[in-house]
Amino acid sequence: MIAGGNVNVAADVQQRSAHLLGNLTLSGYNSDLARAPFEKKQKLAKDRSFLGHKINIGYQNRLSLNSLDFSSKGQTFSLATVPTWNEELIGARTNALVETVIDANLLPGESAH
């Protein structure tokens, strides 16, 4: 998905983006998510249940990190809602996460801008 099927371009994108903050998330189920297509990673649920509900292990698991909004080309997404995943969206999410961390660590009266 990340390079439209071009393996060489995908390898280049992976080299540049795999370890950016915007491409990371939290999951206790990385082995289940590792090689899955992006759409499956968003929706993946385990057969086990908790209080009668299926356990969502994908990006739609309601963790704040996966629900954090980021903007790209005038649209707002989260990792749980974005329809595709590419280098530009990884960069947009990275910027949003960095801004969130900066804002959370400002002292009273300080401004990030």
PDB file of N, CA and C in Angstrom:
ATOM      1  N   MET A   1       0.822  -1.191   0.000  1.00  0.00           N
ATOM      2  CA  MET A   1       0.000   0.000   0.000  1.00  0.00           C
ATOM      3  C   MET A   1       0.869   1.260   0.000  1.00  0.00           C
ATOM      4  N   ILE A   2       1.944   1.230   0.742  1.00  0.00           N
ATOM      5  CA  ILE A   2       2.705   2.453   0.965  1.00  0.00           C
ATOM      6  C   ILE A   2       3.390   2.971  -0.298  1.00  0.00           C
ATOM      7  N   ALA A   3       3.573   2.108  -1.299  1.00  0.00           N
ATOM      8  CA  ALA A   3       4.252   2.532  -2.523  1.00  0.00           C
ATOM      9  C   ALA A   3       3.543   2.023  -3.774  1.00  0.00           C
ATOM     10  N   GLY A   4       2.256   1.753  -3.677  1.00  0.00           N
ATOM     11  CA  GLY A   4       1.498   1.305  -4.841  1.00  0.00           C
ATOM     12  C   GLY A   4       2.009   0.019  -5.458  1.00  0.00           C
ATOM     13  N   GLY A   5       2.582  -0.847  -4.644  1.00  0.00           N
ATOM     14  CA  GLY A   5       3.056  -2.131  -5.156  1.00  0.00           C
ATOM     15  C   GLY A   5       4.501  -2.130  -5.624  1.00  0.00           C
ATOM     16  N   ASN A   6       5.158  -0.979  -5.650  1.00  0.00           N
ATOM     17  CA  ASN A   6       6.550  -0.901  -6.078  1.00  0.00           C
ATOM     18  C   ASN A   6       7.453  -1.262  -4.892  1.00  0.00           C
ATOM     19  N   VAL A   7       8.057  -2.434  -4.952  1.00  0.00           N
ATOM     20  CA  VAL A   7       8.853  -2.959  -3.846  1.00  0.00           C
ATOM     21  C   VAL A   7      10.051  -2.065  -3.542  1.00  0.00           C
ATOM     22  N   ASN A   8      10.707  -1.545  -4.569  1.00  0.00           N
ATOM     23  CA  ASN A   8      11.889  -0.708  -4.354  1.00  0.00           C
ATOM     24  C   ASN A   8      11.525   0.607  -3.685  1.00  0.00           C
ATOM     25  N   VAL A   9      10.447   1.233  -4.147  1.00  0.00           N
ATOM     26  CA  VAL A   9       9.991   2.485  -3.526  1.00  0.00           C
ATOM     27  C   VAL A   9       9.552   2.212  -2.091  1.00  0.00           C
ATOM     28  N   ALA A  10       8.845   1.105  -1.866  1.00  0.00           N
ATOM     29  CA  ALA A  10       8.403   0.751  -0.519  1.00  0.00           C
ATOM     30  C   ALA A  10       9.591   0.587   0.425  1.00  0.00           C
ATOM     31  N   ALA A  11      10.661  -0.025  -0.055  1.00  0.00           N
ATOM     32  CA  ALA A  11      11.857  -0.200   0.769  1.00  0.00           C
ATOM     33  C   ALA A  11      12.472   1.154   1.127  1.00  0.00           C
ATOM     34  N   ASP A  12      12.485   2.084   0.169  1.00  0.00           N
ATOM     35  CA  ASP A  12      13.005   3.431   0.437  1.00  0.00           C
ATOM     36  C   ASP A  12      12.142   4.161   1.466  1.00  0.00           C
ATOM     37  N   VAL A  13      10.818   4.077   1.302  1.00  0.00           N
ATOM     38  CA  VAL A  13       9.893   4.720   2.249  1.00  0.00           C
ATOM     39  C   VAL A  13      10.071   4.100   3.628  1.00  0.00           C
ATOM     40  N   GLN A  14      10.169   2.784   3.686  1.00  0.00           N
ATOM     41  CA  GLN A  14      10.357   2.109   4.962  1.00  0.00           C
ATOM     42  C   GLN A  14      11.643   2.577   5.635  1.00  0.00           C
ATOM     43  N   GLN A  15      12.703   2.703   4.857  1.00  0.00           N
ATOM     44  CA  GLN A  15      13.991   3.159   5.405  1.00  0.00           C
ATOM     45  C   GLN A  15      13.853   4.548   6.032  1.00  0.00           C
ATOM     46  N   ARG A  16      13.119   5.436   5.381  1.00  0.00           N
ATOM     47  CA  ARG A  16      12.963   6.809   5.866  1.00  0.00           C
ATOM     48  C   ARG A  16      11.931   6.939   6.986  1.00  0.00           C
ATOM     49  N   SER A  17      10.906   6.095   6.994  1.00  0.00           N
ATOM     50  CA  SER A  17       9.741   6.349   7.841  1.00  0.00           C
ATOM     51  C   SER A  17       9.441   5.325   8.924  1.00  0.00           C
ATOM     52  N   ALA A  18      10.028   4.160   8.842  1.00  0.00           N
ATOM     53  CA  ALA A  18       9.637   3.072   9.754  1.00  0.00           C
ATOM     54  C   ALA A  18       9.774   3.445  11.222  1.00  0.00           C
ATOM     55  N   HIS A  19      10.778   4.233  11.573  1.00  0.00           N
ATOM     56  CA  HIS A  19      11.022   4.532  12.978  1.00  0.00           C
ATOM     57  C   HIS A  19      10.652   5.956  13.375  1.00  0.00           C
ATOM     58  N   LEU A  20       9.908   6.634  12.520  1.00  0.00           N
ATOM     59  CA  LEU A  20       9.409   7.958  12.892  1.00  0.00           C
ATOM     60  C   LEU A  20       8.309   7.804  13.932  1.00  0.00           C
ATOM     61  N   LEU A  21       8.193   8.778  14.794  1.00  0.00           N
ATOM     62  CA  LEU A  21       7.185   8.755  15.850  1.00  0.00           C
ATOM     63  C   LEU A  21       5.781   8.533  15.288  1.00  0.00           C
ATOM     64  N   GLY A  22       5.484   9.118  14.146  1.00  0.00           N
ATOM     65  CA  GLY A  22       4.155   8.996  13.555  1.00  0.00           C
ATOM     66  C   GLY A  22       3.819   7.610  13.048  1.00  0.00           C
ATOM     67  N   ASN A  23       4.794   6.752  12.906  1.00  0.00           N
ATOM     68  CA  ASN A  23       4.553   5.395  12.425  1.00  0.00           C
ATOM     69  C   ASN A  23       4.492   4.385  13.570  1.00  0.00           C
ATOM     70  N   LEU A  24       4.604   4.855  14.793  1.00  0.00           N
ATOM     71  CA  LEU A  24       4.614   3.957  15.940  1.00  0.00           C
ATOM     72  C   LEU A  24       3.282   3.987  16.673  1.00  0.00           C
ATOM     73  N   THR A  25       2.936   2.866  17.274  1.00  0.00           N
ATOM     74  CA  THR A  25       1.752   2.780  18.115  1.00  0.00           C
ATOM     75  C   THR A  25       2.005   1.752  19.205  1.00  0.00           C
ATOM     76  N   LEU A  26       1.086   1.647  20.130  1.00  0.00           N
ATOM     77  CA  LEU A  26       1.204   0.684  21.222  1.00  0.00           C
ATOM     78  C   LEU A  26       0.275  -0.489  20.984  1.00  0.00           C
ATOM     79  N   SER A  27       0.787  -1.675  21.164  1.00  0.00           N
ATOM     80  CA  SER A  27      -0.043  -2.865  21.051  1.00  0.00           C
ATOM     81  C   SER A  27       0.647  -4.012  21.762  1.00  0.00           C
ATOM     82  N   GLY A  28      -0.122  -4.795  22.477  1.00  0.00           N
ATOM     83  CA  GLY A  28       0.406  -6.009  23.062  1.00  0.00           C
ATOM     84  C   GLY A  28       0.331  -7.165  22.084  1.00  0.00           C
ATOM     85  N   TYR A  29      -0.076  -6.848  20.856  1.00  0.00           N
ATOM     86  CA  TYR A  29      -0.315  -7.890  19.857  1.00  0.00           C
ATOM     87  C   TYR A  29       0.464  -7.640  18.571  1.00  0.00           C
ATOM     88  N   ASN A  30       1.687  -7.140  18.690  1.00  0.00           N
ATOM     89  CA  ASN A  30       2.482  -6.825  17.498  1.00  0.00           C
ATOM     90  C   ASN A  30       2.637  -8.022  16.571  1.00  0.00           C
ATOM     91  N   SER A  31       2.757  -9.221  17.114  1.00  0.00           N
ATOM     92  CA  SER A  31       2.937 -10.391  16.255  1.00  0.00           C
ATOM     93  C   SER A  31       1.704 -10.637  15.393  1.00  0.00           C
ATOM     94  N   ASP A  32       0.512 -10.281  15.892  1.00  0.00           N
ATOM     95  CA  ASP A  32      -0.714 -10.422  15.104  1.00  0.00           C
ATOM     96  C   ASP A  32      -0.841  -9.328  14.044  1.00  0.00           C
ATOM     97  N   LEU A  33      -0.242  -8.181  14.307  1.00  0.00           N
ATOM     98  CA  LEU A  33      -0.384  -7.031  13.414  1.00  0.00           C
ATOM     99  C   LEU A  33       0.757  -6.902  12.402  1.00  0.00           C
ATOM    100  N   ALA A  34       1.895  -7.490  12.671  1.00  0.00           N
ATOM    101  CA  ALA A  34       3.133  -7.217  11.945  1.00  0.00           C
ATOM    102  C   ALA A  34       3.013  -7.227  10.427  1.00  0.00           C
ATOM    103  N   ARG A  35       2.492  -8.264   9.857  1.00  0.00           N
ATOM    104  CA  ARG A  35       2.464  -8.394   8.397  1.00  0.00           C
ATOM    105  C   ARG A  35       1.079  -8.171   7.806  1.00  0.00           C
ATOM    106  N   ALA A  36       0.133  -7.767   8.617  1.00  0.00           N
ATOM    107  CA  ALA A  36      -1.241  -7.576   8.138  1.00  0.00           C
ATOM    108  C   ALA A  36      -1.346  -6.303   7.295  1.00  0.00           C
ATOM    109  N   PRO A  37      -2.254  -6.264   6.319  1.00  0.00           N
ATOM    110  CA  PRO A  37      -2.504  -5.030   5.577  1.00  0.00           C
ATOM    111  C   PRO A  37      -3.021  -3.950   6.530  1.00  0.00           C
ATOM    112  N   PHE A  38      -2.804  -2.695   6.164  1.00  0.00           N
ATOM    113  CA  PHE A  38      -3.158  -1.582   7.034  1.00  0.00           C
ATOM    114  C   PHE A  38      -4.620  -1.626   7.473  1.00  0.00           C
ATOM    115  N   GLU A  39      -5.544  -1.882   6.543  1.00  0.00           N
ATOM    116  CA  GLU A  39      -6.968  -1.899   6.886  1.00  0.00           C
ATOM    117  C   GLU A  39      -7.264  -2.957   7.943  1.00  0.00           C
ATOM    118  N   LYS A  40      -6.587  -4.085   7.855  1.00  0.00           N
ATOM    119  CA  LYS A  40      -6.783  -5.145   8.847  1.00  0.00           C
ATOM    120  C   LYS A  40      -6.195  -4.724  10.191  1.00  0.00           C
ATOM    121  N   LYS A  41      -5.062  -4.024  10.164  1.00  0.00           N
ATOM    122  CA  LYS A  41      -4.456  -3.540  11.407  1.00  0.00           C
ATOM    123  C   LYS A  41      -5.402  -2.602  12.142  1.00  0.00           C
ATOM    124  N   GLN A  42      -6.176  -1.823  11.412  1.00  0.00           N
ATOM    125  CA  GLN A  42      -7.121  -0.921  12.055  1.00  0.00           C
ATOM    126  C   GLN A  42      -8.248  -1.680  12.755  1.00  0.00           C
ATOM    127  N   LYS A  43      -8.761  -2.710  12.127  1.00  0.00           N
ATOM    128  CA  LYS A  43      -9.992  -3.359  12.580  1.00  0.00           C
ATOM    129  C   LYS A  43      -9.802  -4.679  13.312  1.00  0.00           C
ATOM    130  N   LEU A  44      -8.584  -5.174  13.406  1.00  0.00           N
ATOM    131  CA  LEU A  44      -8.346  -6.510  13.928  1.00  0.00           C
ATOM    132  C   LEU A  44      -8.867  -6.667  15.353  1.00  0.00           C
ATOM    133  N   ALA A  45      -9.602  -7.754  15.585  1.00  0.00           N
ATOM    134  CA  ALA A  45     -10.123  -8.078  16.914  1.00  0.00           C
ATOM    135  C   ALA A  45      -9.785  -9.521  17.233  1.00  0.00           C
ATOM    136  N   LYS A  46      -9.607  -9.815  18.491  1.00  0.00           N
ATOM    137  CA  LYS A  46      -9.323 -11.172  18.956  1.00  0.00           C
ATOM    138  C   LYS A  46     -10.628 -11.892  19.228  1.00  0.00           C
ATOM    139  N   ASP A  47     -10.610 -13.205  19.124  1.00  0.00           N
ATOM    140  CA  ASP A  47     -11.794 -14.014  19.399  1.00  0.00           C
ATOM    141  C   ASP A  47     -12.162 -14.008  20.879  1.00  0.00           C
ATOM    142  N   ARG A  48     -11.192 -13.733  21.727  1.00  0.00           N
ATOM    143  CA  ARG A  48     -11.493 -13.655  23.157  1.00  0.00           C
ATOM    144  C   ARG A  48     -12.344 -12.427  23.433  1.00  0.00           C
ATOM    145  N   SER A  49     -13.059 -12.446  24.533  1.00  0.00           N
ATOM    146  CA  SER A  49     -13.877 -11.289  24.857  1.00  0.00           C
ATOM    147  C   SER A  49     -13.639 -10.860  26.298  1.00  0.00           C
ATOM    148  N   PHE A  50     -13.990  -9.630  26.565  1.00  0.00           N
ATOM    149  CA  PHE A  50     -13.899  -9.045  27.888  1.00  0.00           C
ATOM    150  C   PHE A  50     -15.253  -8.436  28.198  1.00  0.00           C
ATOM    151  N   LEU A  51     -15.896  -8.901  29.247  1.00  0.00           N
ATOM    152  CA  LEU A  51     -17.239  -8.450  29.617  1.00  0.00           C
ATOM    153  C   LEU A  51     -18.214  -8.571  28.455  1.00  0.00           C
ATOM    154  N   GLY A  52     -18.063  -9.635  27.676  1.00  0.00           N
ATOM    155  CA  GLY A  52     -18.976  -9.901  26.569  1.00  0.00           C
ATOM    156  C   GLY A  52     -18.665  -9.165  25.283  1.00  0.00           C
ATOM    157  N   HIS A  53     -17.564  -8.418  25.244  1.00  0.00           N
ATOM    158  CA  HIS A  53     -17.194  -7.665  24.047  1.00  0.00           C
ATOM    159  C   HIS A  53     -15.911  -8.236  23.458  1.00  0.00           C
ATOM    160  N   LYS A  54     -15.844  -8.332  22.125  1.00  0.00           N
ATOM    161  CA  LYS A  54     -14.620  -8.766  21.463  1.00  0.00           C
ATOM    162  C   LYS A  54     -13.500  -7.780  21.780  1.00  0.00           C
ATOM    163  N   ILE A  55     -12.303  -8.285  21.943  1.00  0.00           N
ATOM    164  CA  ILE A  55     -11.153  -7.430  22.235  1.00  0.00           C
ATOM    165  C   ILE A  55     -10.602  -6.891  20.925  1.00  0.00           C
ATOM    166  N   ASN A  56     -10.663  -5.580  20.735  1.00  0.00           N
ATOM    167  CA  ASN A  56     -10.114  -4.961  19.542  1.00  0.00           C
ATOM    168  C   ASN A  56      -8.634  -4.733  19.781  1.00  0.00           C
ATOM    169  N   ILE A  57      -7.795  -5.416  19.001  1.00  0.00           N
ATOM    170  CA  ILE A  57      -6.347  -5.282  19.167  1.00  0.00           C
ATOM    171  C   ILE A  57      -5.747  -4.386  18.090  1.00  0.00           C
ATOM    172  N   GLY A  58      -6.553  -3.956  17.149  1.00  0.00           N
ATOM    173  CA  GLY A  58      -6.067  -3.104  16.075  1.00  0.00           C
ATOM    174  C   GLY A  58      -6.054  -1.640  16.491  1.00  0.00           C
ATOM    175  N   TYR A  59      -5.885  -0.778  15.523  1.00  0.00           N
ATOM    176  CA  TYR A  59      -5.754   0.647  15.796  1.00  0.00           C
ATOM    177  C   TYR A  59      -7.058   1.294  16.240  1.00  0.00           C
ATOM    178  N   GLN A  60      -8.170   0.611  16.101  1.00  0.00           N
ATOM    179  CA  GLN A  60      -9.452   1.137  16.564  1.00  0.00           C
ATOM    180  C   GLN A  60      -9.744   0.646  17.980  1.00  0.00           C
ATOM    181  N   ASN A  61      -8.696   0.530  18.786  1.00  0.00           N
ATOM    182  CA  ASN A  61      -8.806   0.009  20.138  1.00  0.00           C
ATOM    183  C   ASN A  61      -9.081   1.087  21.184  1.00  0.00           C
ATOM    184  N   ARG A  62      -9.304   2.306  20.744  1.00  0.00           N
ATOM    185  CA  ARG A  62      -9.656   3.448  21.599  1.00  0.00           C
ATOM    186  C   ARG A  62      -8.513   3.972  22.462  1.00  0.00           C
ATOM    187  N   LEU A  63      -7.297   3.519  22.217  1.00  0.00           N
ATOM    188  CA  LEU A  63      -6.160   4.133  22.902  1.00  0.00           C
ATOM    189  C   LEU A  63      -6.021   5.567  22.424  1.00  0.00           C
ATOM    190  N   SER A  64      -5.726   6.471  23.330  1.00  0.00           N
ATOM    191  CA  SER A  64      -5.581   7.884  22.954  1.00  0.00           C
ATOM    192  C   SER A  64      -4.554   8.078  21.857  1.00  0.00           C
ATOM    193  N   LEU A  65      -3.466   7.334  21.908  1.00  0.00           N
ATOM    194  CA  LEU A  65      -2.418   7.457  20.900  1.00  0.00           C
ATOM    195  C   LEU A  65      -2.943   7.164  19.501  1.00  0.00           C
ATOM    196  N   ASN A  66      -3.845   6.205  19.384  1.00  0.00           N
ATOM    197  CA  ASN A  66      -4.392   5.846  18.076  1.00  0.00           C
ATOM    198  C   ASN A  66      -5.541   6.755  17.664  1.00  0.00           C
ATOM    199  N   SER A  67      -6.111   7.479  18.618  1.00  0.00           N
ATOM    200  CA  SER A  67      -7.232   8.378  18.340  1.00  0.00           C
ATOM    201  C   SER A  67      -6.800   9.830  18.164  1.00  0.00           C
ATOM    202  N   LEU A  68      -5.528  10.138  18.391  1.00  0.00           N
ATOM    203  CA  LEU A  68      -5.021  11.506  18.276  1.00  0.00           C
ATOM    204  C   LEU A  68      -5.191  12.017  16.852  1.00  0.00           C
ATOM    205  N   ASP A  69      -5.825  13.169  16.727  1.00  0.00           N
ATOM    206  CA  ASP A  69      -6.047  13.769  15.406  1.00  0.00           C
ATOM    207  C   ASP A  69      -4.762  14.329  14.816  1.00  0.00           C
ATOM    208  N   PHE A  70      -4.632  14.195  13.496  1.00  0.00           N
ATOM    209  CA  PHE A  70      -3.587  14.867  12.738  1.00  0.00           C
ATOM    210  C   PHE A  70      -4.198  15.291  11.409  1.00  0.00           C
ATOM    211  N   SER A  71      -3.617  16.303  10.788  1.00  0.00           N
ATOM    212  CA  SER A  71      -4.181  16.856   9.555  1.00  0.00           C
ATOM    213  C   SER A  71      -3.239  16.664   8.383  1.00  0.00           C
ATOM    214  N   SER A  72      -3.854  16.431   7.228  1.00  0.00           N
ATOM    215  CA  SER A  72      -3.113  16.307   5.981  1.00  0.00           C
ATOM    216  C   SER A  72      -4.014  16.783   4.852  1.00  0.00           C
ATOM    217  N   LYS A  73      -3.499  17.707   4.061  1.00  0.00           N
ATOM    218  CA  LYS A  73      -4.233  18.228   2.902  1.00  0.00           C
ATOM    219  C   LYS A  73      -5.641  18.698   3.273  1.00  0.00           C
ATOM    220  N   GLY A  74      -5.737  19.399   4.400  1.00  0.00           N
ATOM    221  CA  GLY A  74      -7.000  19.985   4.817  1.00  0.00           C
ATOM    222  C   GLY A  74      -7.994  19.007   5.432  1.00  0.00           C
ATOM    223  N   GLN A  75      -7.596  17.766   5.625  1.00  0.00           N
ATOM    224  CA  GLN A  75      -8.474  16.780   6.243  1.00  0.00           C
ATOM    225  C   GLN A  75      -7.884  16.338   7.570  1.00  0.00           C
ATOM    226  N   THR A  76      -8.747  15.960   8.496  1.00  0.00           N
ATOM    227  CA  THR A  76      -8.310  15.502   9.805  1.00  0.00           C
ATOM    228  C   THR A  76      -8.580  14.011   9.940  1.00  0.00           C
ATOM    229  N   PHE A  77      -7.585  13.305  10.446  1.00  0.00           N
ATOM    230  CA  PHE A  77      -7.642  11.854  10.600  1.00  0.00           C
ATOM    231  C   PHE A  77      -7.086  11.473  11.964  1.00  0.00           C
ATOM    232  N   SER A  78      -7.177  10.217  12.275  1.00  0.00           N
ATOM    233  CA  SER A  78      -6.419   9.579  13.351  1.00  0.00           C
ATOM    234  C   SER A  78      -5.922   8.263  12.775  1.00  0.00           C
ATOM    235  N   LEU A  79      -5.045   7.596  13.493  1.00  0.00           N
ATOM    236  CA  LEU A  79      -4.562   6.305  13.015  1.00  0.00           C
ATOM    237  C   LEU A  79      -5.729   5.321  12.890  1.00  0.00           C
ATOM    238  N   ALA A  80      -6.738   5.488  13.731  1.00  0.00           N
ATOM    239  CA  ALA A  80      -7.899   4.602  13.705  1.00  0.00           C
ATOM    240  C   ALA A  80      -8.838   4.875  12.533  1.00  0.00           C
ATOM    241  N   THR A  81      -8.774   6.088  11.950  1.00  0.00           N
ATOM    242  CA  THR A  81      -9.752   6.460  10.917  1.00  0.00           C
ATOM    243  C   THR A  81      -9.176   6.726   9.535  1.00  0.00           C
ATOM    244  N   VAL A  82      -7.875   6.927   9.424  1.00  0.00           N
ATOM    245  CA  VAL A  82      -7.277   7.284   8.136  1.00  0.00           C
ATOM    246  C   VAL A  82      -7.497   6.140   7.136  1.00  0.00           C
ATOM    247  N   PRO A  83      -7.922   6.443   5.912  1.00  0.00           N
ATOM    248  CA  PRO A  83      -8.257   5.371   4.965  1.00  0.00           C
ATOM    249  C   PRO A  83      -7.060   4.674   4.332  1.00  0.00           C
ATOM    250  N   THR A  84      -5.917   5.315   4.306  1.00  0.00           N
ATOM    251  CA  THR A  84      -4.702   4.722   3.735  1.00  0.00           C
ATOM    252  C   THR A  84      -3.530   5.106   4.621  1.00  0.00           C
ATOM    253  N   TRP A  85      -2.379   4.557   4.325  1.00  0.00           N
ATOM    254  CA  TRP A  85      -1.185   4.886   5.104  1.00  0.00           C
ATOM    255  C   TRP A  85      -0.031   5.064   4.150  1.00  0.00           C
ATOM    256  N   ASN A  86       0.603   6.241   4.181  1.00  0.00           N
ATOM    257  CA  ASN A  86       1.720   6.518   3.289  1.00  0.00           C
ATOM    258  C   ASN A  86       2.709   7.450   3.979  1.00  0.00           C
ATOM    259  N   GLU A  87       3.764   7.761   3.298  1.00  0.00           N
ATOM    260  CA  GLU A  87       4.842   8.560   3.889  1.00  0.00           C
ATOM    261  C   GLU A  87       4.363   9.946   4.314  1.00  0.00           C
ATOM    262  N   GLU A  88       3.519  10.562   3.504  1.00  0.00           N
ATOM    263  CA  GLU A  88       3.026  11.899   3.851  1.00  0.00           C
ATOM    264  C   GLU A  88       2.197  11.874   5.131  1.00  0.00           C
ATOM    265  N   LEU A  89       1.345  10.851   5.280  1.00  0.00           N
ATOM    266  CA  LEU A  89       0.511  10.737   6.477  1.00  0.00           C
ATOM    267  C   LEU A  89       1.351  10.397   7.704  1.00  0.00           C
ATOM    268  N   ILE A  90       2.388   9.601   7.524  1.00  0.00           N
ATOM    269  CA  ILE A  90       3.304   9.319   8.625  1.00  0.00           C
ATOM    270  C   ILE A  90       3.947  10.625   9.097  1.00  0.00           C
ATOM    271  N   GLY A  91       4.371  11.453   8.152  1.00  0.00           N
ATOM    272  CA  GLY A  91       4.959  12.751   8.496  1.00  0.00           C
ATOM    273  C   GLY A  91       3.973  13.665   9.198  1.00  0.00           C
ATOM    274  N   ALA A  92       2.734  13.699   8.729  1.00  0.00           N
ATOM    275  CA  ALA A  92       1.711  14.545   9.350  1.00  0.00           C
ATOM    276  C   ALA A  92       1.426  14.085  10.779  1.00  0.00           C
ATOM    277  N   ARG A  93       1.343  12.775  10.970  1.00  0.00           N
ATOM    278  CA  ARG A  93       1.098  12.256  12.323  1.00  0.00           C
ATOM    279  C   ARG A  93       2.313  12.499  13.214  1.00  0.00           C
ATOM    280  N   THR A  94       3.524  12.365  12.664  1.00  0.00           N
ATOM    281  CA  THR A  94       4.737  12.671  13.425  1.00  0.00           C
ATOM    282  C   THR A  94       4.695  14.106  13.924  1.00  0.00           C
ATOM    283  N   ASN A  95       4.370  15.048  13.043  1.00  0.00           N
ATOM    284  CA  ASN A  95       4.309  16.456  13.436  1.00  0.00           C
ATOM    285  C   ASN A  95       3.286  16.685  14.537  1.00  0.00           C
ATOM    286  N   ALA A  96       2.116  16.057  14.431  1.00  0.00           N
ATOM    287  CA  ALA A  96       1.071  16.220  15.445  1.00  0.00           C
ATOM    288  C   ALA A  96       1.522  15.649  16.793  1.00  0.00           C
ATOM    289  N   LEU A  97       2.175  14.502  16.774  1.00  0.00           N
ATOM    290  CA  LEU A  97       2.652  13.903  18.016  1.00  0.00           C
ATOM    291  C   LEU A  97       3.753  14.740  18.654  1.00  0.00           C
ATOM    292  N   VAL A  98       4.663  15.256  17.843  1.00  0.00           N
ATOM    293  CA  VAL A  98       5.734  16.109  18.365  1.00  0.00           C
ATOM    294  C   VAL A  98       5.137  17.371  18.993  1.00  0.00           C
ATOM    295  N   GLU A  99       4.177  18.004  18.332  1.00  0.00           N
ATOM    296  CA  GLU A  99       3.517  19.193  18.887  1.00  0.00           C
ATOM    297  C   GLU A  99       2.820  18.870  20.205  1.00  0.00           C
ATOM    298  N   THR A 100       2.193  17.712  20.278  1.00  0.00           N
ATOM    299  CA  THR A 100       1.511  17.300  21.505  1.00  0.00           C
ATOM    300  C   THR A 100       2.501  17.135  22.650  1.00  0.00           C
ATOM    301  N   VAL A 101       3.640  16.517  22.370  1.00  0.00           N
ATOM    302  CA  VAL A 101       4.665  16.328  23.393  1.00  0.00           C
ATOM    303  C   VAL A 101       5.232  17.674  23.826  1.00  0.00           C
ATOM    304  N   ILE A 102       5.499  18.554  22.883  1.00  0.00           N
ATOM    305  CA  ILE A 102       6.022  19.882  23.222  1.00  0.00           C
ATOM    306  C   ILE A 102       5.023  20.630  24.081  1.00  0.00           C
ATOM    307  N   ASP A 103       3.760  20.670  23.653  1.00  0.00           N
ATOM    308  CA  ASP A 103       2.723  21.395  24.404  1.00  0.00           C
ATOM    309  C   ASP A 103       2.549  20.833  25.813  1.00  0.00           C
ATOM    310  N   ALA A 104       2.655  19.520  25.962  1.00  0.00           N
ATOM    311  CA  ALA A 104       2.475  18.886  27.267  1.00  0.00           C
ATOM    312  C   ALA A 104       3.630  19.183  28.215  1.00  0.00           C
ATOM    313  N   ASN A 105       4.754  19.632  27.674  1.00  0.00           N
ATOM    314  CA  ASN A 105       5.924  19.859  28.510  1.00  0.00           C
ATOM    315  C   ASN A 105       6.308  21.323  28.664  1.00  0.00           C
ATOM    316  N   LEU A 106       5.421  22.211  28.263  1.00  0.00           N
ATOM    317  CA  LEU A 106       5.677  23.638  28.450  1.00  0.00           C
ATOM    318  C   LEU A 106       5.477  24.023  29.912  1.00  0.00           C
ATOM    319  N   LEU A 107       6.279  24.916  30.376  1.00  0.00           N
ATOM    320  CA  LEU A 107       6.085  25.464  31.706  1.00  0.00           C
ATOM    321  C   LEU A 107       4.988  26.524  31.652  1.00  0.00           C
ATOM    322  N   PRO A 108       4.339  26.783  32.771  1.00  0.00           N
ATOM    323  CA  PRO A 108       3.292  27.828  32.778  1.00  0.00           C
ATOM    324  C   PRO A 108       3.823  29.137  32.210  1.00  0.00           C
ATOM    325  N   GLY A 109       3.096  29.711  31.282  1.00  0.00           N
ATOM    326  CA  GLY A 109       3.483  30.970  30.662  1.00  0.00           C
ATOM    327  C   GLY A 109       4.344  30.821  29.428  1.00  0.00           C
ATOM    328  N   GLU A 110       4.874  29.637  29.168  1.00  0.00           N
ATOM    329  CA  GLU A 110       5.691  29.407  27.982  1.00  0.00           C
ATOM    330  C   GLU A 110       4.796  29.196  26.774  1.00  0.00           C
ATOM    331  N   SER A 111       5.346  29.505  25.609  1.00  0.00           N
ATOM    332  CA  SER A 111       4.639  29.280  24.354  1.00  0.00           C
ATOM    333  C   SER A 111       5.570  28.545  23.398  1.00  0.00           C
ATOM    334  N   ALA A 112       5.019  27.565  22.700  1.00  0.00           N
ATOM    335  CA  ALA A 112       5.833  26.805  21.754  1.00  0.00           C
ATOM    336  C   ALA A 112       6.050  27.564  20.459  1.00  0.00           C
ATOM    337  N   HIS A 113       5.263  28.584  20.224  1.00  0.00           N
ATOM    338  CA  HIS A 113       5.343  29.285  18.932  1.00  0.00           C
ATOM    339  C   HIS A 113       5.829  30.679  19.073  1.00  0.00           C
TER     340      HIS A 113
END
